[in-house]
Protein backbone atom coordinates (compact mmCIF):
# COMPACT_ATOMS: atom_id res chain seq x y z
CA MET A 1 0.00 0.00 0.00
CA GLN A 2 1.19 3.51 -0.73
CA ILE A 3 0.23 6.20 1.78
CA GLY A 4 0.41 9.90 0.99
CA PHE A 5 0.93 12.70 3.47
CA LEU A 6 -0.15 16.18 2.40
CA VAL A 7 1.36 18.61 4.90
CA ILE A 8 -0.05 22.13 4.87
CA ASN A 9 0.79 23.21 8.44
CA LEU A 10 2.94 22.12 11.37
CA LYS A 11 0.18 21.58 13.89
CA TYR A 12 0.41 17.78 13.69
CA ALA A 13 4.14 17.36 12.99
CA GLU A 14 4.68 14.67 15.62
CA SER A 15 1.64 12.72 14.40
CA ILE A 16 2.98 12.86 10.85
CA PHE A 17 6.28 11.32 11.96
CA GLU A 18 4.55 8.67 14.08
CA LEU A 19 2.22 7.64 11.24
CA ALA A 20 5.03 7.66 8.68
CA ASP A 21 7.17 5.44 10.94
CA ALA A 22 4.27 3.06 11.55
CA SER A 23 3.54 2.87 7.82
CA LEU A 24 7.14 2.04 6.95
CA VAL A 25 7.38 -0.59 9.72
CA ARG A 26 4.32 -2.28 8.21
CA GLY A 27 6.01 -2.39 4.81
CA HIS A 28 4.03 0.41 3.17
CA SER A 29 5.62 3.03 0.99
CA ILE A 30 5.04 6.69 1.76
CA ARG A 31 4.88 9.90 -0.24
CA ILE A 32 5.15 13.21 1.56
CA PHE A 33 4.31 16.50 -0.12
CA MET A 34 4.71 19.73 1.85
CA THR A 35 3.08 22.99 0.83
CA ASP A 36 2.03 26.32 2.35
CA GLU A 37 3.26 26.51 5.98
CA GLY A 38 3.91 22.76 5.86
CA VAL A 39 7.16 23.36 3.92
CA LYS A 40 8.73 24.39 7.22
CA LEU A 41 8.78 20.67 8.07
CA ILE A 42 11.72 20.21 5.67
CA GLU A 43 13.84 22.04 8.24
CA ASN A 44 13.10 19.33 10.80
CA LYS A 45 15.93 16.77 11.08
CA LYS A 46 13.37 13.99 11.51
CA MET A 47 12.22 14.65 7.94
CA HIS A 48 15.83 14.38 6.77
CA ASN A 49 15.97 10.84 8.19
CA TYR A 50 13.36 9.69 5.65
CA ALA A 51 15.27 11.05 2.64
CA PRO A 52 17.64 8.11 2.07
CA MET A 53 15.10 5.41 2.91
CA GLN A 54 13.69 2.98 0.41
CA LYS A 55 9.92 3.23 -0.08
CA THR A 56 9.85 6.99 0.52
CA HIS A 57 9.30 9.90 -1.81
CA ILE A 58 9.55 13.38 -0.32
CA SER A 59 8.86 16.61 -2.15
CA PHE A 60 7.82 20.14 -1.39
CA CYS A 61 6.28 23.08 -3.21
CA SER A 62 9.19 25.29 -4.24
CA HIS A 63 6.86 28.31 -4.48
CA SER A 64 5.77 27.84 -0.86
CA ALA A 65 9.38 27.39 0.26
CA LYS A 66 10.29 30.67 -1.39
CA ASN A 67 7.31 32.43 0.22
CA HIS A 68 8.34 31.16 3.68
CA ASN A 69 12.04 32.01 3.15
CA ILE A 70 13.19 28.40 3.50
CA ASN A 71 16.82 27.76 2.60
CA THR A 72 16.62 24.65 0.42
CA SER A 73 20.28 24.55 -0.61
CA MET A 74 21.29 22.34 2.33
CA LEU A 75 18.59 19.69 2.02
CA PRO A 76 19.70 16.07 1.81
CA GLU A 77 19.37 14.18 -1.43
CA GLY A 78 15.93 12.62 -1.53
CA ILE A 79 13.96 15.74 -0.61
CA SER A 80 12.99 17.30 -3.92
CA PRO A 81 11.68 20.73 -4.85
CA SER A 82 8.53 20.41 -6.90
CA THR A 83 5.27 22.00 -7.95
CA GLN A 84 1.63 21.35 -7.18
CA TYR A 85 1.75 18.79 -10.00
CA GLN A 86 3.56 16.47 -7.56
CA ASN A 87 0.66 16.96 -5.15
CA ALA A 88 -1.78 15.92 -7.87
CA LEU A 89 0.32 12.84 -8.70
CA MET A 90 0.36 11.83 -5.05
CA HIS A 91 -3.42 11.97 -4.87
CA ASN A 92 -3.69 9.93 -8.04
CA GLU A 93 -1.09 7.28 -7.20
CA CYS A 94 -1.54 6.68 -3.47
CA ASP A 95 -4.04 4.25 -1.99
CA ARG A 96 -4.75 6.67 0.88
CA VAL A 97 -3.86 10.34 1.41
CA LEU A 98 -3.78 11.90 4.84
CA VAL A 99 -4.06 15.68 5.04
CA PHE A 100 -2.42 17.57 7.88
C-alpha cells in the first residue's frame, strides 16, 4: 500500500512522523508533499531521516518554500523541490492520502 501525506501546516508534525514510521514498519511506501506553511517541516531533522530510505518519496512546493524564506540549498538528497503537480500525482497514485 502507498500512503500519501499532504502537509499544509505544522500543527500535527509529531503525528505525521509517528504515522510515517508506523507505515514504513508495516512495509508500506510513503509519499510526503509539503506545501504552504507545511514546507517548514523540511527544516526538521526527523524529515531528513526519511530522505535516504527505500519506499519513501519526499517533495515540497518550491513556491511555498520561497514564500516562507526556507533555505533549500542544504537539504539532503531525496527531498525534492517540486510543484503542485507532484501533489496531484500523489493523490492519483496513493491508496490513501492523509491531510495535515
